[in-house]
Amino acid sequence: SAGEGDKSGQAALWEIFSIQKDRKDY
């Protein structure tokens, strides 16, 4: 839902990345 260039959308993606990495969903 975050608009293009919305830095908070990027922050959400980093959170997703962190969860996937911790769960070994490489």
mmCIF file of all heavy atoms, coordinates in Angstrom:
data_MODEL
# 
_entry.id   MODEL 
# 
loop_
_atom_site.group_PDB 
_atom_site.id 
_atom_site.type_symbol 
_atom_site.label_atom_id 
_atom_site.label_alt_id 
_atom_site.label_comp_id 
_atom_site.label_asym_id 
_atom_site.label_entity_id 
_atom_site.label_seq_id 
_atom_site.pdbx_PDB_ins_code 
_atom_site.Cartn_x 
_atom_site.Cartn_y 
_atom_site.Cartn_z 
_atom_site.occupancy 
_atom_site.B_iso_or_equiv 
_atom_site.pdbx_formal_charge 
_atom_site.auth_seq_id 
_atom_site.auth_comp_id 
_atom_site.auth_asym_id 
_atom_site.auth_atom_id 
_atom_site.pdbx_PDB_model_num 
ATOM 1   N N   . SER A 1 1  ? 0.810  -1.223  0.000  1.00 0.00 ? 1  SER A N   1 
ATOM 2   C CA  . SER A 1 1  ? 0.000  0.000   0.000  1.00 0.00 ? 1  SER A CA  1 
ATOM 3   C C   . SER A 1 1  ? 0.844  1.274   0.000  1.00 0.00 ? 1  SER A C   1 
ATOM 4   O O   . SER A 1 1  ? 0.336  2.357   -0.287 1.00 0.00 ? 1  SER A O   1 
ATOM 5   C CB  . SER A 1 1  ? -0.925 0.015   1.225  1.00 0.00 ? 1  SER A CB  1 
ATOM 6   O OG  . SER A 1 1  ? -0.176 0.105   2.420  1.00 0.00 ? 1  SER A OG  1 
ATOM 7   N N   . ALA A 1 2  ? 2.128  1.145   0.325  1.00 0.00 ? 2  ALA A N   1 
ATOM 8   C CA  . ALA A 1 2  ? 3.008  2.323   0.365  1.00 0.00 ? 2  ALA A CA  1 
ATOM 9   C C   . ALA A 1 2  ? 3.245  2.833   -1.052 1.00 0.00 ? 2  ALA A C   1 
ATOM 10  O O   . ALA A 1 2  ? 3.409  2.061   -1.990 1.00 0.00 ? 2  ALA A O   1 
ATOM 11  C CB  . ALA A 1 2  ? 4.330  1.974   1.034  1.00 0.00 ? 2  ALA A CB  1 
ATOM 12  N N   . GLY A 1 3  ? 3.245  4.123   -1.193 1.00 0.00 ? 3  GLY A N   1 
ATOM 13  C CA  . GLY A 1 3  ? 3.464  4.714   -2.509 1.00 0.00 ? 3  GLY A CA  1 
ATOM 14  C C   . GLY A 1 3  ? 4.897  4.583   -2.966 1.00 0.00 ? 3  GLY A C   1 
ATOM 15  O O   . GLY A 1 3  ? 5.811  4.312   -2.170 1.00 0.00 ? 3  GLY A O   1 
ATOM 16  N N   . GLU A 1 4  ? 5.102  4.760   -4.259 1.00 0.00 ? 4  GLU A N   1 
ATOM 17  C CA  . GLU A 1 4  ? 6.448  4.669   -4.821 1.00 0.00 ? 4  GLU A CA  1 
ATOM 18  C C   . GLU A 1 4  ? 7.339  5.740   -4.205 1.00 0.00 ? 4  GLU A C   1 
ATOM 19  O O   . GLU A 1 4  ? 6.964  6.901   -4.099 1.00 0.00 ? 4  GLU A O   1 
ATOM 20  C CB  . GLU A 1 4  ? 6.384  4.851   -6.344 1.00 0.00 ? 4  GLU A CB  1 
ATOM 21  C CG  . GLU A 1 4  ? 7.712  4.597   -7.028 1.00 0.00 ? 4  GLU A CG  1 
ATOM 22  C CD  . GLU A 1 4  ? 7.597  4.665   -8.546 1.00 0.00 ? 4  GLU A CD  1 
ATOM 23  O OE1 . GLU A 1 4  ? 6.461  4.546   -9.059 1.00 0.00 ? 4  GLU A OE1 1 
ATOM 24  O OE2 . GLU A 1 4  ? 8.639  4.856   -9.192 1.00 0.00 ? 4  GLU A OE2 1 
ATOM 25  N N   . GLY A 1 5  ? 8.505  5.325   -3.782 1.00 0.00 ? 5  GLY A N   1 
ATOM 26  C CA  . GLY A 1 5  ? 9.433  6.259   -3.144 1.00 0.00 ? 5  GLY A CA  1 
ATOM 27  C C   . GLY A 1 5  ? 9.169  6.475   -1.664 1.00 0.00 ? 5  GLY A C   1 
ATOM 28  O O   . GLY A 1 5  ? 9.859  7.258   -1.015 1.00 0.00 ? 5  GLY A O   1 
ATOM 29  N N   . ASP A 1 6  ? 8.173  5.771   -1.131 1.00 0.00 ? 6  ASP A N   1 
ATOM 30  C CA  . ASP A 1 6  ? 7.853  5.886   0.289  1.00 0.00 ? 6  ASP A CA  1 
ATOM 31  C C   . ASP A 1 6  ? 8.887  5.087   1.093  1.00 0.00 ? 6  ASP A C   1 
ATOM 32  O O   . ASP A 1 6  ? 8.951  3.865   1.006  1.00 0.00 ? 6  ASP A O   1 
ATOM 33  C CB  . ASP A 1 6  ? 6.442  5.343   0.545  1.00 0.00 ? 6  ASP A CB  1 
ATOM 34  C CG  . ASP A 1 6  ? 5.958  5.601   1.969  1.00 0.00 ? 6  ASP A CG  1 
ATOM 35  O OD1 . ASP A 1 6  ? 6.805  5.704   2.874  1.00 0.00 ? 6  ASP A OD1 1 
ATOM 36  O OD2 . ASP A 1 6  ? 4.734  5.696   2.157  1.00 0.00 ? 6  ASP A OD2 1 
ATOM 37  N N   . LYS A 1 7  ? 9.689  5.775   1.877  1.00 0.00 ? 7  LYS A N   1 
ATOM 38  C CA  . LYS A 1 7  ? 10.758 5.113   2.623  1.00 0.00 ? 7  LYS A CA  1 
ATOM 39  C C   . LYS A 1 7  ? 10.217 4.151   3.671  1.00 0.00 ? 7  LYS A C   1 
ATOM 40  O O   . LYS A 1 7  ? 10.884 3.181   4.038  1.00 0.00 ? 7  LYS A O   1 
ATOM 41  C CB  . LYS A 1 7  ? 11.664 6.157   3.275  1.00 0.00 ? 7  LYS A CB  1 
ATOM 42  C CG  . LYS A 1 7  ? 12.488 6.947   2.259  1.00 0.00 ? 7  LYS A CG  1 
ATOM 43  C CD  . LYS A 1 7  ? 13.432 7.912   2.933  1.00 0.00 ? 7  LYS A CD  1 
ATOM 44  C CE  . LYS A 1 7  ? 14.269 8.656   1.891  1.00 0.00 ? 7  LYS A CE  1 
ATOM 45  N NZ  . LYS A 1 7  ? 15.177 9.631   2.519  1.00 0.00 ? 7  LYS A NZ  1 
ATOM 46  N N   . SER A 1 8  ? 8.992  4.420   4.165  1.00 0.00 ? 8  SER A N   1 
ATOM 47  C CA  . SER A 1 8  ? 8.430  3.505   5.156  1.00 0.00 ? 8  SER A CA  1 
ATOM 48  C C   . SER A 1 8  ? 8.093  2.158   4.514  1.00 0.00 ? 8  SER A C   1 
ATOM 49  O O   . SER A 1 8  ? 8.127  1.124   5.181  1.00 0.00 ? 8  SER A O   1 
ATOM 50  C CB  . SER A 1 8  ? 7.182  4.107   5.802  1.00 0.00 ? 8  SER A CB  1 
ATOM 51  O OG  . SER A 1 8  ? 6.139  4.273   4.860  1.00 0.00 ? 8  SER A OG  1 
ATOM 52  N N   . GLY A 1 9  ? 7.773  2.165   3.198  1.00 0.00 ? 9  GLY A N   1 
ATOM 53  C CA  . GLY A 1 9  ? 7.553  0.911   2.486  1.00 0.00 ? 9  GLY A CA  1 
ATOM 54  C C   . GLY A 1 9  ? 8.837  0.099   2.420  1.00 0.00 ? 9  GLY A C   1 
ATOM 55  O O   . GLY A 1 9  ? 8.821  -1.131  2.566  1.00 0.00 ? 9  GLY A O   1 
ATOM 56  N N   . GLN A 1 10 ? 9.943  0.792   2.213  1.00 0.00 ? 10 GLN A N   1 
ATOM 57  C CA  . GLN A 1 10 ? 11.243 0.124   2.221  1.00 0.00 ? 10 GLN A CA  1 
ATOM 58  C C   . GLN A 1 10 ? 11.560 -0.438  3.605  1.00 0.00 ? 10 GLN A C   1 
ATOM 59  O O   . GLN A 1 10 ? 12.104 -1.541  3.730  1.00 0.00 ? 10 GLN A O   1 
ATOM 60  C CB  . GLN A 1 10 ? 12.342 1.120   1.814  1.00 0.00 ? 10 GLN A CB  1 
ATOM 61  C CG  . GLN A 1 10 ? 12.305 1.538   0.345  1.00 0.00 ? 10 GLN A CG  1 
ATOM 62  C CD  . GLN A 1 10 ? 12.740 0.411   -0.586 1.00 0.00 ? 10 GLN A CD  1 
ATOM 63  O OE1 . GLN A 1 10 ? 11.927 -0.382  -1.039 1.00 0.00 ? 10 GLN A OE1 1 
ATOM 64  N NE2 . GLN A 1 10 ? 14.031 0.337   -0.864 1.00 0.00 ? 10 GLN A NE2 1 
ATOM 65  N N   . ALA A 1 11 ? 11.180 0.307   4.636  1.00 0.00 ? 11 ALA A N   1 
ATOM 66  C CA  . ALA A 1 11 ? 11.403 -0.165  6.009  1.00 0.00 ? 11 ALA A CA  1 
ATOM 67  C C   . ALA A 1 11 ? 10.619 -1.457  6.260  1.00 0.00 ? 11 ALA A C   1 
ATOM 68  O O   . ALA A 1 11 ? 11.117 -2.386  6.911  1.00 0.00 ? 11 ALA A O   1 
ATOM 69  C CB  . ALA A 1 11 ? 10.992 0.906   7.012  1.00 0.00 ? 11 ALA A CB  1 
ATOM 70  N N   . ALA A 1 12 ? 9.391  -1.526  5.726  1.00 0.00 ? 12 ALA A N   1 
ATOM 71  C CA  . ALA A 1 12 ? 8.586  -2.739  5.874  1.00 0.00 ? 12 ALA A CA  1 
ATOM 72  C C   . ALA A 1 12 ? 9.238  -3.916  5.152  1.00 0.00 ? 12 ALA A C   1 
ATOM 73  O O   . ALA A 1 12 ? 9.252  -5.044  5.657  1.00 0.00 ? 12 ALA A O   1 
ATOM 74  C CB  . ALA A 1 12 ? 7.177  -2.503  5.341  1.00 0.00 ? 12 ALA A CB  1 
ATOM 75  N N   . LEU A 1 13 ? 9.803  -3.645  3.973  1.00 0.00 ? 13 LEU A N   1 
ATOM 76  C CA  . LEU A 1 13 ? 10.490 -4.711  3.238  1.00 0.00 ? 13 LEU A CA  1 
ATOM 77  C C   . LEU A 1 13 ? 11.705 -5.226  4.005  1.00 0.00 ? 13 LEU A C   1 
ATOM 78  O O   . LEU A 1 13 ? 11.982 -6.434  4.018  1.00 0.00 ? 13 LEU A O   1 
ATOM 79  C CB  . LEU A 1 13 ? 10.898 -4.218  1.853  1.00 0.00 ? 13 LEU A CB  1 
ATOM 80  C CG  . LEU A 1 13 ? 9.768  -4.017  0.836  1.00 0.00 ? 13 LEU A CG  1 
ATOM 81  C CD1 . LEU A 1 13 ? 10.297 -3.367  -0.434 1.00 0.00 ? 13 LEU A CD1 1 
ATOM 82  C CD2 . LEU A 1 13 ? 9.091  -5.355  0.508  1.00 0.00 ? 13 LEU A CD2 1 
ATOM 83  N N   . TRP A 1 14 ? 12.424 -4.327  4.646  1.00 0.00 ? 14 TRP A N   1 
ATOM 84  C CA  . TRP A 1 14 ? 13.571 -4.764  5.453  1.00 0.00 ? 14 TRP A CA  1 
ATOM 85  C C   . TRP A 1 14 ? 13.106 -5.636  6.624  1.00 0.00 ? 14 TRP A C   1 
ATOM 86  O O   . TRP A 1 14 ? 13.785 -6.609  6.994  1.00 0.00 ? 14 TRP A O   1 
ATOM 87  C CB  . TRP A 1 14 ? 14.343 -3.549  5.976  1.00 0.00 ? 14 TRP A CB  1 
ATOM 88  C CG  . TRP A 1 14 ? 15.332 -2.987  5.009  1.00 0.00 ? 14 TRP A CG  1 
ATOM 89  C CD1 . TRP A 1 14 ? 15.317 -1.770  4.401  1.00 0.00 ? 14 TRP A CD1 1 
ATOM 90  C CD2 . TRP A 1 14 ? 16.522 -3.647  4.528  1.00 0.00 ? 14 TRP A CD2 1 
ATOM 91  N NE1 . TRP A 1 14 ? 16.398 -1.618  3.573  1.00 0.00 ? 14 TRP A NE1 1 
ATOM 92  C CE2 . TRP A 1 14 ? 17.156 -2.749  3.635  1.00 0.00 ? 14 TRP A CE2 1 
ATOM 93  C CE3 . TRP A 1 14 ? 17.106 -4.889  4.758  1.00 0.00 ? 14 TRP A CE3 1 
ATOM 94  C CZ2 . TRP A 1 14 ? 18.343 -3.074  2.973  1.00 0.00 ? 14 TRP A CZ2 1 
ATOM 95  C CZ3 . TRP A 1 14 ? 18.297 -5.209  4.109  1.00 0.00 ? 14 TRP A CZ3 1 
ATOM 96  C CH2 . TRP A 1 14 ? 18.896 -4.301  3.224  1.00 0.00 ? 14 TRP A CH2 1 
ATOM 97  N N   . GLU A 1 15 ? 11.958 -5.299  7.204  1.00 0.00 ? 15 GLU A N   1 
ATOM 98  C CA  . GLU A 1 15 ? 11.414 -6.127  8.285  1.00 0.00 ? 15 GLU A CA  1 
ATOM 99  C C   . GLU A 1 15 ? 11.056 -7.522  7.756  1.00 0.00 ? 15 GLU A C   1 
ATOM 100 O O   . GLU A 1 15 ? 11.314 -8.540  8.420  1.00 0.00 ? 15 GLU A O   1 
ATOM 101 C CB  . GLU A 1 15 ? 10.175 -5.462  8.892  1.00 0.00 ? 15 GLU A CB  1 
ATOM 102 C CG  . GLU A 1 15 ? 10.454 -4.195  9.683  1.00 0.00 ? 15 GLU A CG  1 
ATOM 103 C CD  . GLU A 1 15 ? 11.082 -4.478  11.035 1.00 0.00 ? 15 GLU A CD  1 
ATOM 104 O OE1 . GLU A 1 15 ? 11.152 -5.654  11.443 1.00 0.00 ? 15 GLU A OE1 1 
ATOM 105 O OE2 . GLU A 1 15 ? 11.501 -3.517  11.704 1.00 0.00 ? 15 GLU A OE2 1 
ATOM 106 N N   . ILE A 1 16 ? 10.464 -7.565  6.568  1.00 0.00 ? 16 ILE A N   1 
ATOM 107 C CA  . ILE A 1 16 ? 10.129 -8.855  5.946  1.00 0.00 ? 16 ILE A CA  1 
ATOM 108 C C   . ILE A 1 16 ? 11.403 -9.656  5.696  1.00 0.00 ? 16 ILE A C   1 
ATOM 109 O O   . ILE A 1 16 ? 11.474 -10.863 5.974  1.00 0.00 ? 16 ILE A O   1 
ATOM 110 C CB  . ILE A 1 16 ? 9.361  -8.632  4.631  1.00 0.00 ? 16 ILE A CB  1 
ATOM 111 C CG1 . ILE A 1 16 ? 7.994  -8.002  4.921  1.00 0.00 ? 16 ILE A CG1 1 
ATOM 112 C CG2 . ILE A 1 16 ? 9.185  -9.946  3.871  1.00 0.00 ? 16 ILE A CG2 1 
ATOM 113 C CD1 . ILE A 1 16 ? 7.295  -7.467  3.684  1.00 0.00 ? 16 ILE A CD1 1 
ATOM 114 N N   . PHE A 1 17 ? 12.412 -8.988  5.162  1.00 0.00 ? 17 PHE A N   1 
ATOM 115 C CA  . PHE A 1 17 ? 13.701 -9.636  4.897  1.00 0.00 ? 17 PHE A CA  1 
ATOM 116 C C   . PHE A 1 17 ? 14.279 -10.238 6.175  1.00 0.00 ? 17 PHE A C   1 
ATOM 117 O O   . PHE A 1 17 ? 14.760 -11.381 6.193  1.00 0.00 ? 17 PHE A O   1 
ATOM 118 C CB  . PHE A 1 17 ? 14.672 -8.618  4.294  1.00 0.00 ? 17 PHE A CB  1 
ATOM 119 C CG  . PHE A 1 17 ? 16.084 -9.123  4.148  1.00 0.00 ? 17 PHE A CG  1 
ATOM 120 C CD1 . PHE A 1 17 ? 16.425 -9.974  3.104  1.00 0.00 ? 17 PHE A CD1 1 
ATOM 121 C CD2 . PHE A 1 17 ? 17.059 -8.747  5.053  1.00 0.00 ? 17 PHE A CD2 1 
ATOM 122 C CE1 . PHE A 1 17 ? 17.724 -10.449 2.973  1.00 0.00 ? 17 PHE A CE1 1 
ATOM 123 C CE2 . PHE A 1 17 ? 18.359 -9.209  4.926  1.00 0.00 ? 17 PHE A CE2 1 
ATOM 124 C CZ  . PHE A 1 17 ? 18.696 -10.063 3.879  1.00 0.00 ? 17 PHE A CZ  1 
ATOM 125 N N   . SER A 1 18 ? 14.210 -9.472  7.268  1.00 0.00 ? 18 SER A N   1 
ATOM 126 C CA  . SER A 1 18 ? 14.746 -9.936  8.543  1.00 0.00 ? 18 SER A CA  1 
ATOM 127 C C   . SER A 1 18 ? 14.008 -11.181 9.033  1.00 0.00 ? 18 SER A C   1 
ATOM 128 O O   . SER A 1 18 ? 14.636 -12.144 9.504  1.00 0.00 ? 18 SER A O   1 
ATOM 129 C CB  . SER A 1 18 ? 14.640 -8.817  9.593  1.00 0.00 ? 18 SER A CB  1 
ATOM 130 O OG  . SER A 1 18 ? 15.063 -9.264  10.855 1.00 0.00 ? 18 SER A OG  1 
ATOM 131 N N   . ILE A 1 19 ? 12.677 -11.177 8.913  1.00 0.00 ? 19 ILE A N   1 
ATOM 132 C CA  . ILE A 1 19 ? 11.880 -12.332 9.340  1.00 0.00 ? 19 ILE A CA  1 
ATOM 133 C C   . ILE A 1 19 ? 12.223 -13.551 8.482  1.00 0.00 ? 19 ILE A C   1 
ATOM 134 O O   . ILE A 1 19 ? 12.426 -14.669 9.000  1.00 0.00 ? 19 ILE A O   1 
ATOM 135 C CB  . ILE A 1 19 ? 10.375 -12.008 9.256  1.00 0.00 ? 19 ILE A CB  1 
ATOM 136 C CG1 . ILE A 1 19 ? 9.988  -10.985 10.332 1.00 0.00 ? 19 ILE A CG1 1 
ATOM 137 C CG2 . ILE A 1 19 ? 9.535  -13.284 9.414  1.00 0.00 ? 19 ILE A CG2 1 
ATOM 138 C CD1 . ILE A 1 19 ? 8.577  -10.446 10.181 1.00 0.00 ? 19 ILE A CD1 1 
ATOM 139 N N   . GLN A 1 20 ? 12.284 -13.347 7.169  1.00 0.00 ? 20 GLN A N   1 
ATOM 140 C CA  . GLN A 1 20 ? 12.579 -14.475 6.265  1.00 0.00 ? 20 GLN A CA  1 
ATOM 141 C C   . GLN A 1 20 ? 13.965 -15.049 6.534  1.00 0.00 ? 20 GLN A C   1 
ATOM 142 O O   . GLN A 1 20 ? 14.156 -16.272 6.520  1.00 0.00 ? 20 GLN A O   1 
ATOM 143 C CB  . GLN A 1 20 ? 12.453 -14.005 4.814  1.00 0.00 ? 20 GLN A CB  1 
ATOM 144 C CG  . GLN A 1 20 ? 11.020 -13.703 4.407  1.00 0.00 ? 20 GLN A CG  1 
ATOM 145 C CD  . GLN A 1 20 ? 10.929 -12.990 3.069  1.00 0.00 ? 20 GLN A CD  1 
ATOM 146 O OE1 . GLN A 1 20 ? 11.808 -12.193 2.717  1.00 0.00 ? 20 GLN A OE1 1 
ATOM 147 N NE2 . GLN A 1 20 ? 9.872  -13.261 2.324  1.00 0.00 ? 20 GLN A NE2 1 
ATOM 148 N N   . LYS A 1 21 ? 14.915 -14.165 6.782  1.00 0.00 ? 21 LYS A N   1 
ATOM 149 C CA  . LYS A 1 21 ? 16.290 -14.622 7.062  1.00 0.00 ? 21 LYS A CA  1 
ATOM 150 C C   . LYS A 1 21 ? 16.342 -15.415 8.356  1.00 0.00 ? 21 LYS A C   1 
ATOM 151 O O   . LYS A 1 21 ? 16.971 -16.480 8.421  1.00 0.00 ? 21 LYS A O   1 
ATOM 152 C CB  . LYS A 1 21 ? 17.227 -13.412 7.134  1.00 0.00 ? 21 LYS A CB  1 
ATOM 153 C CG  . LYS A 1 21 ? 18.708 -13.776 7.277  1.00 0.00 ? 21 LYS A CG  1 
ATOM 154 C CD  . LYS A 1 21 ? 19.581 -12.592 6.945  1.00 0.00 ? 21 LYS A CD  1 
ATOM 155 C CE  . LYS A 1 21 ? 19.347 -11.437 7.893  1.00 0.00 ? 21 LYS A CE  1 
ATOM 156 N NZ  . LYS A 1 21 ? 19.866 -11.712 9.258  1.00 0.00 ? 21 LYS A NZ  1 
ATOM 157 N N   . ASP A 1 22 ? 15.669 -14.912 9.395  1.00 0.00 ? 22 ASP A N   1 
ATOM 158 C CA  . ASP A 1 22 ? 15.654 -15.607 10.681 1.00 0.00 ? 22 ASP A CA  1 
ATOM 159 C C   . ASP A 1 22 ? 14.973 -16.971 10.584 1.00 0.00 ? 22 ASP A C   1 
ATOM 160 O O   . ASP A 1 22 ? 15.335 -17.905 11.312 1.00 0.00 ? 22 ASP A O   1 
ATOM 161 C CB  . ASP A 1 22 ? 14.944 -14.756 11.742 1.00 0.00 ? 22 ASP A CB  1 
ATOM 162 C CG  . ASP A 1 22 ? 15.749 -13.523 12.139 1.00 0.00 ? 22 ASP A CG  1 
ATOM 163 O OD1 . ASP A 1 22 ? 16.950 -13.471 11.809 1.00 0.00 ? 22 ASP A OD1 1 
ATOM 164 O OD2 . ASP A 1 22 ? 15.172 -12.611 12.756 1.00 0.00 ? 22 ASP A OD2 1 
ATOM 165 N N   . ARG A 1 23 ? 14.008 -17.070 9.684  1.00 0.00 ? 23 ARG A N   1 
ATOM 166 C CA  . ARG A 1 23 ? 13.282 -18.339 9.521  1.00 0.00 ? 23 ARG A CA  1 
ATOM 167 C C   . ARG A 1 23 ? 13.940 -19.244 8.471  1.00 0.00 ? 23 ARG A C   1 
ATOM 168 O O   . ARG A 1 23 ? 13.393 -20.274 8.104  1.00 0.00 ? 23 ARG A O   1 
ATOM 169 C CB  . ARG A 1 23 ? 11.829 -18.041 9.139  1.00 0.00 ? 23 ARG A CB  1 
ATOM 170 C CG  . ARG A 1 23 ? 11.086 -17.236 10.204 1.00 0.00 ? 23 ARG A CG  1 
ATOM 171 C CD  . ARG A 1 23 ? 9.690  -16.884 9.750  1.00 0.00 ? 23 ARG A CD  1 
ATOM 172 N NE  . ARG A 1 23 ? 8.870  -18.080 9.671  1.00 0.00 ? 23 ARG A NE  1 
ATOM 173 C CZ  . ARG A 1 23 ? 7.713  -18.133 9.007  1.00 0.00 ? 23 ARG A CZ  1 
ATOM 174 N NH1 . ARG A 1 23 ? 7.276  -17.078 8.351  1.00 0.00 ? 23 ARG A NH1 1 
ATOM 175 N NH2 . ARG A 1 23 ? 7.003  -19.245 8.994  1.00 0.00 ? 23 ARG A NH2 1 
ATOM 176 N N   . LYS A 1 24 ? 15.093 -18.802 7.982  1.00 0.00 ? 24 LYS A N   1 
ATOM 177 C CA  . LYS A 1 24 ? 15.852 -19.547 6.979  1.00 0.00 ? 24 LYS A CA  1 
ATOM 178 C C   . LYS A 1 24 ? 15.076 -19.744 5.669  1.00 0.00 ? 24 LYS A C   1 
ATOM 179 O O   . LYS A 1 24 ? 15.273 -20.721 4.950  1.00 0.00 ? 24 LYS A O   1 
ATOM 180 C CB  . LYS A 1 24 ? 16.304 -20.901 7.543  1.00 0.00 ? 24 LYS A CB  1 
ATOM 181 C CG  . LYS A 1 24 ? 17.270 -20.770 8.721  1.00 0.00 ? 24 LYS A CG  1 
ATOM 182 C CD  . LYS A 1 24 ? 17.721 -22.117 9.226  1.00 0.00 ? 24 LYS A CD  1 
ATOM 183 C CE  . LYS A 1 24 ? 18.847 -21.997 10.248 1.00 0.00 ? 24 LYS A CE  1 
ATOM 184 N NZ  . LYS A 1 24 ? 18.542 -21.114 11.383 1.00 0.00 ? 24 LYS A NZ  1 
ATOM 185 N N   . ASP A 1 25 ? 14.212 -18.764 5.384  1.00 0.00 ? 25 ASP A N   1 
ATOM 186 C CA  . ASP A 1 25 ? 13.513 -18.738 4.095  1.00 0.00 ? 25 ASP A CA  1 
ATOM 187 C C   . ASP A 1 25 ? 14.390 -17.916 3.145  1.00 0.00 ? 25 ASP A C   1 
ATOM 188 O O   . ASP A 1 25 ? 14.111 -16.764 2.832  1.00 0.00 ? 25 ASP A O   1 
ATOM 189 C CB  . ASP A 1 25 ? 12.130 -18.099 4.259  1.00 0.00 ? 25 ASP A CB  1 
ATOM 190 C CG  . ASP A 1 25 ? 11.391 -17.968 2.936  1.00 0.00 ? 25 ASP A CG  1 
ATOM 191 O OD1 . ASP A 1 25 ? 11.852 -18.535 1.915  1.00 0.00 ? 25 ASP A OD1 1 
ATOM 192 O OD2 . ASP A 1 25 ? 10.354 -17.263 2.912  1.00 0.00 ? 25 ASP A OD2 1 
ATOM 193 N N   . TYR A 1 26 ? 15.479 -18.545 2.691  1.00 0.00 ? 26 TYR A N   1 
ATOM 194 C CA  . TYR A 1 26 ? 16.489 -17.797 1.941  1.00 0.00 ? 26 TYR A CA  1 
ATOM 195 C C   . TYR A 1 26 ? 16.000 -17.374 0.561  1.00 0.00 ? 26 TYR A C   1 
ATOM 196 O O   . TYR A 1 26 ? 16.359 -16.292 0.072  1.00 0.00 ? 26 TYR A O   1 
ATOM 197 C CB  . TYR A 1 26 ? 17.770 -18.628 1.836  1.00 0.00 ? 26 TYR A CB  1 
ATOM 198 C CG  . TYR A 1 26 ? 18.375 -18.921 3.190  1.00 0.00 ? 26 TYR A CG  1 
ATOM 199 C CD1 . TYR A 1 26 ? 18.580 -20.235 3.613  1.00 0.00 ? 26 TYR A CD1 1 
ATOM 200 C CD2 . TYR A 1 26 ? 18.724 -17.891 4.057  1.00 0.00 ? 26 TYR A CD2 1 
ATOM 201 C CE1 . TYR A 1 26 ? 19.127 -20.506 4.867  1.00 0.00 ? 26 TYR A CE1 1 
ATOM 202 C CE2 . TYR A 1 26 ? 19.278 -18.156 5.308  1.00 0.00 ? 26 TYR A CE2 1 
ATOM 203 C CZ  . TYR A 1 26 ? 19.465 -19.457 5.712  1.00 0.00 ? 26 TYR A CZ  1 
ATOM 204 O OH  . TYR A 1 26 ? 19.996 -19.715 6.958  1.00 0.00 ? 26 TYR A OH  1 
# 
